C-alpha atoms as a PDB file:
ATOM      1  CA  MET A   1     -15.921  34.552  95.946  1.00  0.00           C
ATOM      2  CA  ASP A   2     -16.985  36.435  92.817  1.00  0.00           C
ATOM      3  CA  PRO A   3     -20.833  36.612  92.711  1.00  0.00           C
ATOM      4  CA  ASP A   4     -20.732  36.561  88.901  1.00  0.00           C
ATOM      5  CA  MET A   5     -18.802  33.270  88.885  1.00  0.00           C
ATOM      6  CA  MET A   6     -20.789  31.475  91.574  1.00  0.00           C
ATOM      7  CA  GLU A   7     -23.195  28.605  91.062  1.00  0.00           C
ATOM      8  CA  SER A   8     -25.855  27.693  93.583  1.00  0.00           C
ATOM      9  CA  VAL A   9     -28.527  25.104  94.283  1.00  0.00           C
ATOM     10  CA  VAL A  10     -31.147  24.537  96.968  1.00  0.00           C
ATOM     11  CA  ILE A  11     -30.859  21.076  98.478  1.00  0.00           C
ATOM     12  CA  THR A  12     -33.914  18.851  98.016  1.00  0.00           C
ATOM     13  CA  SER A  13     -35.193  16.098 100.301  1.00  0.00           C
ATOM     14  CA  GLN A  14     -33.615  13.522  97.966  1.00  0.00           C
ATOM     15  CA  GLU A  15     -30.173  15.083  98.403  1.00  0.00           C
ATOM     16  CA  ALA A  16     -30.520  15.608 102.157  1.00  0.00           C
ATOM     17  CA  GLY A  17     -28.147  13.483 104.237  1.00  0.00           C
ATOM     18  CA  GLU A  18     -25.384  13.514 101.614  1.00  0.00           C
ATOM     19  CA  ARG A  19     -21.905  14.788 102.436  1.00  0.00           C
ATOM     20  CA  LEU A  20     -21.120  18.187 100.947  1.00  0.00           C
ATOM     21  CA  ASP A  21     -17.989  16.991  99.143  1.00  0.00           C
ATOM     22  CA  GLN A  22     -19.828  14.023  97.601  1.00  0.00           C
ATOM     23  CA  PHE A  23     -22.669  16.267  96.465  1.00  0.00           C
ATOM     24  CA  LEU A  24     -20.313  18.833  94.911  1.00  0.00           C
ATOM     25  CA  GLN A  25     -18.438  16.128  93.039  1.00  0.00           C
ATOM     26  CA  THR A  26     -21.641  15.252  91.178  1.00  0.00           C
ATOM     27  CA  GLN A  27     -22.321  18.935  90.480  1.00  0.00           C
ATOM     28  CA  ILE A  28     -18.910  20.238  89.431  1.00  0.00           C
ATOM     29  CA  GLY A  29     -17.903  17.439  87.077  1.00  0.00           C
ATOM     30  CA  ASP A  30     -14.519  16.009  86.187  1.00  0.00           C
ATOM     31  CA  HIS A  31     -12.636  16.706  89.414  1.00  0.00           C
ATOM     32  CA  SER A  32     -11.241  14.447  92.129  1.00  0.00           C
ATOM     33  CA  ARG A  33     -12.581  14.282  95.675  1.00  0.00           C
ATOM     34  CA  SER A  34      -9.347  15.872  96.939  1.00  0.00           C
ATOM     35  CA  PHE A  35      -9.849  18.803  94.536  1.00  0.00           C
ATOM     36  CA  ILE A  36     -13.385  19.306  95.879  1.00  0.00           C
ATOM     37  CA  GLN A  37     -12.221  19.108  99.481  1.00  0.00           C
ATOM     38  CA  LYS A  38      -9.499  21.675  98.789  1.00  0.00           C
ATOM     39  CA  LEU A  39     -12.124  23.914  97.198  1.00  0.00           C
ATOM     40  CA  ILE A  40     -14.256  23.719 100.349  1.00  0.00           C
ATOM     41  CA  LYS A  41     -11.301  24.207 102.718  1.00  0.00           C
ATOM     42  CA  GLU A  42     -10.202  27.347 100.856  1.00  0.00           C
ATOM     43  CA  GLY A  43     -13.635  28.928 101.237  1.00  0.00           C
ATOM     44  CA  ASN A  44     -14.820  28.505  97.667  1.00  0.00           C
ATOM     45  CA  CYS A  45     -18.006  26.800  98.811  1.00  0.00           C
ATOM     46  CA  LEU A  46     -20.589  28.102 101.274  1.00  0.00           C
ATOM     47  CA  VAL A  47     -23.714  26.583 102.783  1.00  0.00           C
ATOM     48  CA  ASN A  48     -26.330  29.130 103.839  1.00  0.00           C
ATOM     49  CA  GLY A  49     -23.674  31.830 103.481  1.00  0.00           C
ATOM     50  CA  LYS A  50     -21.198  30.141 105.854  1.00  0.00           C
ATOM     51  CA  GLN A  51     -18.031  28.131 105.368  1.00  0.00           C
ATOM     52  CA  VAL A  52     -18.444  24.515 106.468  1.00  0.00           C
ATOM     53  CA  LYS A  53     -16.342  21.329 106.378  1.00  0.00           C
ATOM     54  CA  SER A  54     -16.265  18.742 103.619  1.00  0.00           C
ATOM     55  CA  GLY A  55     -18.153  16.246 105.773  1.00  0.00           C
ATOM     56  CA  TYR A  56     -21.079  18.597 106.430  1.00  0.00           C
ATOM     57  CA  MET A  57     -24.338  16.624 106.058  1.00  0.00           C
ATOM     58  CA  LEU A  58     -26.677  18.516 103.801  1.00  0.00           C
ATOM     59  CA  ARG A  59     -30.268  19.242 104.884  1.00  0.00           C
ATOM     60  CA  ALA A  60     -33.323  19.928 102.785  1.00  0.00           C
ATOM     61  CA  GLY A  61     -33.574  23.665 102.116  1.00  0.00           C
ATOM     62  CA  ASP A  62     -29.838  24.354 102.483  1.00  0.00           C
ATOM     63  CA  LEU A  63     -28.440  26.814  99.948  1.00  0.00           C
ATOM     64  CA  ALA A  64     -25.138  25.514  98.573  1.00  0.00           C
ATOM     65  CA  GLU A  65     -23.005  28.020  96.650  1.00  0.00           C
ATOM     66  CA  TRP A  66     -19.635  27.428  95.023  1.00  0.00           C
ATOM     67  CA  GLU A  67     -17.075  28.824  92.653  1.00  0.00           C
ATOM     68  CA  VAL A  68     -14.322  26.983  90.795  1.00  0.00           C
ATOM     69  CA  PRO A  69     -11.447  29.476  90.459  1.00  0.00           C
ATOM     70  CA  ALA A  70      -9.874  29.878  87.033  1.00  0.00           C
ATOM     71  CA  PRO A  71      -6.707  27.745  86.709  1.00  0.00           C
ATOM     72  CA  LYS A  72      -3.455  29.587  87.222  1.00  0.00           C
ATOM     73  CA  THR A  73      -1.147  29.945  84.256  1.00  0.00           C
ATOM     74  CA  LEU A  74       1.932  27.815  84.719  1.00  0.00           C
ATOM     75  CA  GLU A  75       5.399  28.838  83.612  1.00  0.00           C
ATOM     76  CA  ILE A  76       7.191  25.799  82.256  1.00  0.00           C
ATOM     77  CA  GLN A  77      10.965  25.981  82.245  1.00  0.00           C
ATOM     78  CA  PRO A  78      13.436  23.873  80.203  1.00  0.00           C
ATOM     79  CA  GLU A  79      15.456  21.495  82.385  1.00  0.00           C
ATOM     80  CA  ASP A  80      18.637  19.661  81.480  1.00  0.00           C
ATOM     81  CA  ILE A  81      17.317  16.177  82.230  1.00  0.00           C
ATOM     82  CA  PRO A  82      18.919  13.234  80.372  1.00  0.00           C
ATOM     83  CA  LEU A  83      16.652  11.560  77.801  1.00  0.00           C
ATOM     84  CA  ASP A  84      16.875   8.003  76.473  1.00  0.00           C
ATOM     85  CA  ILE A  85      16.143   8.702  72.795  1.00  0.00           C
ATOM     86  CA  LEU A  86      15.403   5.672  70.621  1.00  0.00           C
ATOM     87  CA  TYR A  87      15.059   7.730  67.421  1.00  0.00           C
ATOM     88  CA  GLU A  88      15.109  11.385  66.364  1.00  0.00           C
ATOM     89  CA  ASP A  89      14.771  13.401  63.150  1.00  0.00           C
ATOM     90  CA  ASP A  90      13.415  16.809  62.122  1.00  0.00           C
ATOM     91  CA  ASP A  91       9.798  15.731  62.628  1.00  0.00           C
ATOM     92  CA  LEU A  92       9.729  13.638  65.785  1.00  0.00           C
ATOM     93  CA  LEU A  93      11.440  11.710  68.534  1.00  0.00           C
ATOM     94  CA  VAL A  94      10.739   8.325  70.064  1.00  0.00           C
ATOM     95  CA  VAL A  95      11.672   8.466  73.744  1.00  0.00           C
ATOM     96  CA  ASN A  96      12.088   5.641  76.259  1.00  0.00           C
ATOM     97  CA  LYS A  97      10.385   7.199  79.300  1.00  0.00           C
ATOM     98  CA  PRO A  98      11.732   6.132  82.690  1.00  0.00           C
ATOM     99  CA  LYS A  99       9.655   5.043  85.662  1.00  0.00           C
ATOM    100  CA  GLY A 100       8.438   7.846  87.906  1.00  0.00           C
ATOM    101  CA  MET A 101       8.583  10.590  85.269  1.00  0.00           C
ATOM    102  CA  VAL A 102       5.370  12.526  84.597  1.00  0.00           C
ATOM    103  CA  VAL A 103       4.840  13.235  80.888  1.00  0.00           C
ATOM    104  CA  HIS A 104       3.671  16.848  81.119  1.00  0.00           C
ATOM    105  CA  PRO A 105       3.305  19.529  83.810  1.00  0.00           C
ATOM    106  CA  ALA A 106       0.139  20.013  85.836  1.00  0.00           C
ATOM    107  CA  PRO A 107      -0.784  22.257  88.772  1.00  0.00           C
ATOM    108  CA  GLY A 108       1.464  21.323  91.674  1.00  0.00           C
ATOM    109  CA  HIS A 109       3.843  19.410  89.428  1.00  0.00           C
ATOM    110  CA  THR A 110       5.731  21.779  87.139  1.00  0.00           C
ATOM    111  CA  GLU A 111       9.272  20.409  87.339  1.00  0.00           C
ATOM    112  CA  GLY A 112      11.051  17.226  86.351  1.00  0.00           C
ATOM    113  CA  THR A 113       8.553  16.215  83.672  1.00  0.00           C
ATOM    114  CA  LEU A 114       9.263  14.854  80.221  1.00  0.00           C
ATOM    115  CA  VAL A 115       8.116  18.189  78.761  1.00  0.00           C
ATOM    116  CA  ASN A 116      10.689  20.078  80.854  1.00  0.00           C
ATOM    117  CA  ALA A 117      13.400  17.795  79.469  1.00  0.00           C
ATOM    118  CA  LEU A 118      12.094  18.055  75.892  1.00  0.00           C
ATOM    119  CA  MET A 119      12.039  21.847  76.011  1.00  0.00           C
ATOM    120  CA  ALA A 120      15.747  21.842  76.809  1.00  0.00           C
ATOM    121  CA  HIS A 121      16.658  19.136  74.305  1.00  0.00           C
ATOM    122  CA  CYS A 122      14.582  20.432  71.372  1.00  0.00           C
ATOM    123  CA  ARG A 123      15.200  24.130  72.082  1.00  0.00           C
ATOM    124  CA  GLY A 124      11.599  25.132  71.448  1.00  0.00           C
ATOM    125  CA  GLN A 125      11.155  22.983  68.318  1.00  0.00           C
ATOM    126  CA  LEU A 126       8.004  21.195  69.492  1.00  0.00           C
ATOM    127  CA  SER A 127       4.460  21.070  68.150  1.00  0.00           C
ATOM    128  CA  GLY A 128       2.082  23.560  69.766  1.00  0.00           C
ATOM    129  CA  ILE A 129      -1.272  21.888  69.116  1.00  0.00           C
ATOM    130  CA  ASN A 130      -1.737  20.734  72.711  1.00  0.00           C
ATOM    131  CA  GLY A 131      -0.874  24.128  74.211  1.00  0.00           C
ATOM    132  CA  ILE A 132       1.874  25.507  76.395  1.00  0.00           C
ATOM    133  CA  LEU A 133       1.660  22.740  79.013  1.00  0.00           C
ATOM    134  CA  ARG A 134       2.012  19.870  76.545  1.00  0.00           C
ATOM    135  CA  PRO A 135       4.275  20.961  73.681  1.00  0.00           C
ATOM    136  CA  GLY A 136       5.142  18.020  71.450  1.00  0.00           C
ATOM    137  CA  ILE A 137       2.933  15.606  73.363  1.00  0.00           C
ATOM    138  CA  VAL A 138       0.573  13.670  71.106  1.00  0.00           C
ATOM    139  CA  HIS A 139      -0.077  10.721  73.454  1.00  0.00           C
ATOM    140  CA  ARG A 140       0.848   9.790  77.017  1.00  0.00           C
ATOM    141  CA  ILE A 141       1.773   6.909  79.270  1.00  0.00           C
ATOM    142  CA  ASP A 142       1.339   6.916  83.041  1.00  0.00           C
ATOM    143  CA  ARG A 143       4.006   8.184  85.428  1.00  0.00           C
ATOM    144  CA  ASP A 144       4.982   4.696  86.612  1.00  0.00           C
ATOM    145  CA  THR A 145       4.720   3.081  83.169  1.00  0.00           C
ATOM    146  CA  THR A 146       8.009   2.905  81.286  1.00  0.00           C
ATOM    147  CA  GLY A 147       8.776   2.719  77.606  1.00  0.00           C
ATOM    148  CA  SER A 148       8.306   4.113  74.124  1.00  0.00           C
ATOM    149  CA  LEU A 149       6.549   7.415  73.499  1.00  0.00           C
ATOM    150  CA  ILE A 150       6.283   9.509  70.319  1.00  0.00           C
ATOM    151  CA  VAL A 151       7.029  13.252  70.589  1.00  0.00           C
ATOM    152  CA  CYS A 152       6.304  15.590  67.655  1.00  0.00           C
ATOM    153  CA  LYS A 153       8.483  18.570  66.728  1.00  0.00           C
ATOM    154  CA  ASN A 154       6.004  20.339  64.440  1.00  0.00           C
ATOM    155  CA  ASP A 155       2.254  20.603  63.947  1.00  0.00           C
ATOM    156  CA  ARG A 156       2.259  18.726  60.637  1.00  0.00           C
ATOM    157  CA  ALA A 157       3.869  15.686  62.255  1.00  0.00           C
ATOM    158  CA  HIS A 158       1.573  16.034  65.260  1.00  0.00           C
ATOM    159  CA  ASN A 159      -1.562  15.986  63.083  1.00  0.00           C
ATOM    160  CA  CYS A 160      -0.303  12.933  61.189  1.00  0.00           C
ATOM    161  CA  ILE A 161       0.483  10.910  64.326  1.00  0.00           C
ATOM    162  CA  ALA A 162      -2.763  12.042  66.001  1.00  0.00           C
ATOM    163  CA  ALA A 163      -4.746  10.811  62.975  1.00  0.00           C
ATOM    164  CA  GLN A 164      -3.064   7.403  63.225  1.00  0.00           C
ATOM    165  CA  LEU A 165      -3.862   7.259  66.926  1.00  0.00           C
ATOM    166  CA  ALA A 166      -7.501   8.162  66.216  1.00  0.00           C
ATOM    167  CA  GLU A 167      -7.883   5.375  63.663  1.00  0.00           C
ATOM    168  CA  HIS A 168      -6.015   2.911  65.945  1.00  0.00           C
ATOM    169  CA  SER A 169      -3.403   2.098  63.289  1.00  0.00           C
ATOM    170  CA  ILE A 170      -0.371   2.666  65.530  1.00  0.00           C
ATOM    171  CA  ARG A 171       1.087  -0.604  66.817  1.00  0.00           C
ATOM    172  CA  ARG A 172       1.475  -0.619  70.581  1.00  0.00           C
ATOM    173  CA  ARG A 173       2.833  -3.644  72.400  1.00  0.00           C
ATOM    174  CA  TYR A 174       3.167  -3.665  76.190  1.00  0.00           C
ATOM    175  CA  LEU A 175       4.740  -6.111  78.626  1.00  0.00           C
ATOM    176  CA  ALA A 176       3.291  -6.566  82.112  1.00  0.00           C
ATOM    177  CA  LEU A 177       3.364  -8.715  85.207  1.00  0.00           C
ATOM    178  CA  VAL A 178      -0.128  -9.459  86.507  1.00  0.00           C
ATOM    179  CA  ARG A 179      -1.499 -11.213  89.547  1.00  0.00           C
ATOM    180  CA  GLY A 180      -2.626 -14.831  89.333  1.00  0.00           C
ATOM    181  CA  GLY A 181      -2.601 -17.453  86.604  1.00  0.00           C
ATOM    182  CA  PHE A 182      -4.402 -18.018  83.302  1.00  0.00           C
ATOM    183  CA  SER A 183      -5.831 -21.303  82.049  1.00  0.00           C
ATOM    184  CA  GLU A 184      -5.724 -19.959  78.482  1.00  0.00           C
ATOM    185  CA  ASP A 185      -2.683 -18.754  76.524  1.00  0.00           C
ATOM    186  CA  THR A 186      -4.376 -15.832  74.766  1.00  0.00           C
ATOM    187  CA  GLY A 187      -7.411 -13.638  75.297  1.00  0.00           C
ATOM    188  CA  ARG A 188      -9.260 -10.561  74.112  1.00  0.00           C
ATOM    189  CA  ILE A 189     -10.952  -8.044  76.386  1.00  0.00           C
ATOM    190  CA  ASP A 190     -13.614  -5.969  74.640  1.00  0.00           C
ATOM    191  CA  ALA A 191     -15.112  -3.764  77.341  1.00  0.00           C
ATOM    192  CA  PRO A 192     -15.873  -0.010  77.199  1.00  0.00           C
ATOM    193  CA  ILE A 193     -14.047   2.247  79.645  1.00  0.00           C
ATOM    194  CA  GLY A 194     -15.371   5.393  81.323  1.00  0.00           C
ATOM    195  CA  ARG A 195     -14.737   7.641  84.305  1.00  0.00           C
ATOM    196  CA  HIS A 196     -15.461   6.121  87.722  1.00  0.00           C
ATOM    197  CA  SER A 197     -18.713   7.497  89.144  1.00  0.00           C
ATOM    198  CA  VAL A 198     -17.233   8.266  92.584  1.00  0.00           C
ATOM    199  CA  ASP A 199     -13.453   8.521  92.267  1.00  0.00           C
ATOM    200  CA  ARG A 200     -12.954  10.841  89.314  1.00  0.00           C
ATOM    201  CA  LYS A 201      -9.238  10.023  89.097  1.00  0.00           C
ATOM    202  CA  LYS A 202     -10.048   6.402  88.285  1.00  0.00           C
ATOM    203  CA  MET A 203     -11.373   4.746  85.161  1.00  0.00           C
ATOM    204  CA  CYS A 204     -13.490   1.604  85.070  1.00  0.00           C
ATOM    205  CA  VAL A 205     -15.307  -0.793  82.773  1.00  0.00           C
ATOM    206  CA  VAL A 206     -18.819   0.601  82.276  1.00  0.00           C
ATOM    207  CA  LYS A 207     -22.076  -0.789  80.911  1.00  0.00           C
ATOM    208  CA  SER A 208     -23.037   2.438  79.153  1.00  0.00           C
ATOM    209  CA  GLY A 209     -21.564   5.839  78.326  1.00  0.00           C
ATOM    210  CA  GLY A 210     -17.962   4.695  78.007  1.00  0.00           C
ATOM    211  CA  LYS A 211     -15.585   4.562  75.048  1.00  0.00           C
ATOM    212  CA  SER A 212     -14.868   1.380  73.119  1.00  0.00           C
ATOM    213  CA  ALA A 213     -11.727  -0.339  74.421  1.00  0.00           C
ATOM    214  CA  VAL A 214     -10.087  -3.561  73.218  1.00  0.00           C
ATOM    215  CA  THR A 215      -6.990  -5.255  74.645  1.00  0.00           C
ATOM    216  CA  ASN A 216      -5.465  -8.473  73.297  1.00  0.00           C
ATOM    217  CA  TYR A 217      -3.177 -10.400  75.627  1.00  0.00           C
ATOM    218  CA  ARG A 218      -0.840 -13.394  75.390  1.00  0.00           C
ATOM    219  CA  VAL A 219       0.852 -15.355  78.154  1.00  0.00           C
ATOM    220  CA  LEU A 220       4.657 -15.262  77.906  1.00  0.00           C
ATOM    221  CA  GLU A 221       5.590 -17.027  81.152  1.00  0.00           C
ATOM    222  CA  ARG A 222       3.725 -18.465  84.118  1.00  0.00           C
ATOM    223  CA  PHE A 223       4.957 -18.193  87.712  1.00  0.00           C
ATOM    224  CA  PRO A 224       3.384 -19.486  90.963  1.00  0.00           C
ATOM    225  CA  ALA A 225       1.742 -16.191  91.993  1.00  0.00           C
ATOM    226  CA  CYS A 226       1.734 -14.130  88.817  1.00  0.00           C
ATOM    227  CA  THR A 227       1.977 -14.194  85.023  1.00  0.00           C
ATOM    228  CA  PHE A 228       4.184 -12.396  82.526  1.00  0.00           C
ATOM    229  CA  ILE A 229       2.016 -11.217  79.617  1.00  0.00           C
ATOM    230  CA  GLU A 230       2.139  -9.252  76.391  1.00  0.00           C
ATOM    231  CA  CYS A 231      -0.689  -6.819  75.610  1.00  0.00           C
ATOM    232  CA  ILE A 232      -1.447  -5.386  72.187  1.00  0.00           C
ATOM    233  CA  LEU A 233      -3.870  -2.482  72.108  1.00  0.00           C
ATOM    234  CA  GLU A 234      -6.566  -2.041  69.490  1.00  0.00           C
ATOM    235  CA  THR A 235      -7.573   1.218  71.200  1.00  0.00           C
ATOM    236  CA  GLY A 236      -5.779   3.620  73.533  1.00  0.00           C
ATOM    237  CA  ARG A 237      -7.960   4.635  76.455  1.00  0.00           C
ATOM    238  CA  THR A 238      -6.735   6.122  79.736  1.00  0.00           C
ATOM    239  CA  HIS A 239      -5.355   3.345  81.988  1.00  0.00           C
ATOM    240  CA  GLN A 240      -6.687   0.788  79.484  1.00  0.00           C
ATOM    241  CA  ILE A 241      -4.444  -2.185  80.308  1.00  0.00           C
ATOM    242  CA  ARG A 242      -4.616  -1.519  84.042  1.00  0.00           C
ATOM    243  CA  VAL A 243      -8.427  -1.298  84.017  1.00  0.00           C
ATOM    244  CA  HIS A 244      -8.982  -4.238  81.669  1.00  0.00           C
ATOM    245  CA  MET A 245      -6.665  -6.645  83.485  1.00  0.00           C
ATOM    246  CA  SER A 246      -8.131  -5.670  86.853  1.00  0.00           C
ATOM    247  CA  SER A 247     -11.647  -6.210  85.465  1.00  0.00           C
ATOM    248  CA  ILE A 248     -10.880  -9.892  84.728  1.00  0.00           C
ATOM    249  CA  GLY A 249      -9.247 -10.481  88.109  1.00  0.00           C
ATOM    250  CA  HIS A 250      -5.605 -10.040  87.063  1.00  0.00           C
ATOM    251  CA  PRO A 251      -4.482  -6.559  88.199  1.00  0.00           C
ATOM    252  CA  LEU A 252      -0.940  -5.479  87.423  1.00  0.00           C
ATOM    253  CA  LEU A 253       1.640  -6.071  90.133  1.00  0.00           C
ATOM    254  CA  GLY A 254       2.347  -2.890  92.073  1.00  0.00           C
ATOM    255  CA  ASP A 255      -0.776  -1.086  90.842  1.00  0.00           C
ATOM    256  CA  GLU A 256      -1.954   0.956  93.833  1.00  0.00           C
ATOM    257  CA  VAL A 257      -5.068   2.244  92.051  1.00  0.00           C
ATOM    258  CA  TYR A 258      -6.504  -0.898  90.476  1.00  0.00           C
ATOM    259  CA  GLY A 259      -4.779  -3.701  92.374  1.00  0.00           C
ATOM    260  CA  ASN A 260      -3.912  -2.600  95.934  1.00  0.00           C
ATOM    261  CA  GLY A 261      -0.199  -2.556  95.090  1.00  0.00           C
ATOM    262  CA  TYR A 262       0.113  -6.358  95.202  1.00  0.00           C
ATOM    263  CA  CYS A 263       3.648  -7.799  95.184  1.00  0.00           C
ATOM    264  CA  PRO A 264       4.379 -11.568  95.264  1.00  0.00           C
ATOM    265  CA  PHE A 265       7.460 -11.102  97.435  1.00  0.00           C
ATOM    266  CA  PRO A 266       6.776 -10.642 101.190  1.00  0.00           C
ATOM    267  CA  GLY A 267       8.155  -7.417 102.609  1.00  0.00           C
ATOM    268  CA  MET A 268       8.861  -5.950  99.172  1.00  0.00           C
ATOM    269  CA  LYS A 269       7.038  -2.886  97.840  1.00  0.00           C
ATOM    270  CA  LEU A 270       6.884  -2.102  94.138  1.00  0.00           C
ATOM    271  CA  GLU A 271       6.970   1.472  92.865  1.00  0.00           C
ATOM    272  CA  GLY A 272       3.759   1.533  90.858  1.00  0.00           C
ATOM    273  CA  GLN A 273       2.431  -0.844  88.209  1.00  0.00           C
ATOM    274  CA  VAL A 274       4.820  -3.225  86.436  1.00  0.00           C
ATOM    275  CA  LEU A 275       4.027  -2.138  82.873  1.00  0.00           C
ATOM    276  CA  HIS A 276       6.368  -1.371  79.991  1.00  0.00           C
ATOM    277  CA  ALA A 277       5.517   0.104  76.562  1.00  0.00           C
ATOM    278  CA  LYS A 278       7.871  -2.207  74.677  1.00  0.00           C
ATOM    279  CA  THR A 279       7.043  -1.580  71.004  1.00  0.00           C
ATOM    280  CA  ILE A 280       5.610   1.324  69.027  1.00  0.00           C
ATOM    281  CA  GLY A 281       5.102   1.338  65.262  1.00  0.00           C
ATOM    282  CA  PHE A 282       3.731   4.056  62.973  1.00  0.00           C
ATOM    283  CA  ILE A 283       3.847   5.614  59.519  1.00  0.00           C
ATOM    284  CA  HIS A 284       6.409   8.409  59.370  1.00  0.00           C
ATOM    285  CA  PRO A 285       4.726  11.791  58.637  1.00  0.00           C
ATOM    286  CA  SER A 286       7.248  12.813  55.960  1.00  0.00           C
ATOM    287  CA  THR A 287       8.554   9.630  54.358  1.00  0.00           C
ATOM    288  CA  GLY A 288       5.393   7.550  54.525  1.00  0.00           C
ATOM    289  CA  ALA A 289       7.512   4.570  55.612  1.00  0.00           C
ATOM    290  CA  TYR A 290       6.475   2.277  58.435  1.00  0.00           C
ATOM    291  CA  MET A 291       8.814   2.576  61.434  1.00  0.00           C
ATOM    292  CA  GLU A 292       8.914   0.452  64.577  1.00  0.00           C
ATOM    293  CA  PHE A 293      10.947   0.862  67.759  1.00  0.00           C
ATOM    294  CA  ASP A 294      11.558  -1.289  70.825  1.00  0.00           C
ATOM    295  CA  ALA A 295      12.307   0.115  74.261  1.00  0.00           C
ATOM    296  CA  PRO A 296      14.473  -2.322  76.265  1.00  0.00           C
ATOM    297  CA  LEU A 297      13.061  -3.618  79.511  1.00  0.00           C
ATOM    298  CA  PRO A 298      14.118  -1.399  82.429  1.00  0.00           C
ATOM    299  CA  ALA A 299      16.413  -2.840  85.071  1.00  0.00           C
ATOM    300  CA  TYR A 300      13.707  -3.107  87.766  1.00  0.00           C
ATOM    301  CA  PHE A 301      11.491  -5.200  85.443  1.00  0.00           C
ATOM    302  CA  ARG A 302      14.368  -7.503  84.466  1.00  0.00           C
ATOM    303  CA  GLU A 303      15.310  -8.014  88.125  1.00  0.00           C
ATOM    304  CA  LEU A 304      11.722  -8.963  88.974  1.00  0.00           C
ATOM    305  CA  LEU A 305      11.676 -11.528  86.183  1.00  0.00           C
ATOM    306  CA  LYS A 306      14.977 -12.989  87.373  1.00  0.00           C
ATOM    307  CA  LYS A 307      13.656 -13.120  90.925  1.00  0.00           C
ATOM    308  CA  LEU A 308      10.615 -15.023  89.651  1.00  0.00           C
ATOM    309  CA  GLY A 309      12.848 -17.529  87.847  1.00  0.00           C
ATOM    310  CA  SER A 310      12.293 -16.340  84.294  1.00  0.00           C
ATOM    311  CA  ARG A 311      14.139 -17.964  81.366  1.00  0.00           C
ATOM    312  CA  TYR A 312      17.512 -16.209  81.215  1.00  0.00           C
ATOM    313  CA  GLU A 313      17.687 -16.785  77.442  1.00  0.00           C
ATOM    314  CA  TRP A 314      14.590 -14.643  76.990  1.00  0.00           C
ATOM    315  CA  LEU A 315      16.023 -11.884  79.168  1.00  0.00           C
ATOM    316  CA  GLN A 316      19.177 -11.767  77.110  1.00  0.00           C
ATOM    317  CA  GLN A 317      17.062 -11.012  74.026  1.00  0.00           C
ATOM    318  CA  SER A 318      15.051  -8.193  75.640  1.00  0.00           C
END
């Protein structure tokens, strides 16, 4: 470890008895427990000058020292991955992202992302505001969420779309299957969202310190064990629909993080949350015209609805 980069603290009686990894997670900040444990395993944390395990129980007077290494620079390569493009011009694209595709590269995941595909398709013509790891990316949807996503080809377009996102004027309509039934047909969830205090990869509804988050929902179809709903976002927080629906007792089907991966069909396992970004609408950065695009429901979602006994007429229109 580099002495100039190290941080240290002497453990007090109040902190004694706490696991080292839990203690470091409160000290280091916005990192997951697995990141902290990897840090300890690789010798980037010492207690009293010695390497210990993540589960080491701290004692009063212990000297804990740690260093968070600087992130490695990633080389992102263009990849010839097919894209389902709903619209494209000189300023932007609207892409229908498939299930299982990560939007942009991250350490340990540098291939097969939407950015890799965009770099090949756009031949370098992507906005650079979000840096080398996220060219063109002005907003995101989760890996297992499907549907419409705006990609910007230049910084002017990026700034325009980002401003609309900031003022919550972009129309975003999602379709989801959630656990359980509703007595009402419509509802509005107004509950701030912040980072989970223990699991830093998760978000949660918080009483203080979070960001304003509002989700409007409407029941489309009711089934014995679940409900097909439409969600319209007034804000766009990380995992907003997943967190909000879980907070009122209706987690999304297949959501491993906020709903234990629930599936209404015995013996069947879903691949992540059943959530689709159906509609996106915005003001075009150059023309000033309002534009709106619909991403068709993916095959897996349609098959689930059919399996549940959904109205076939509705499916034909999707």
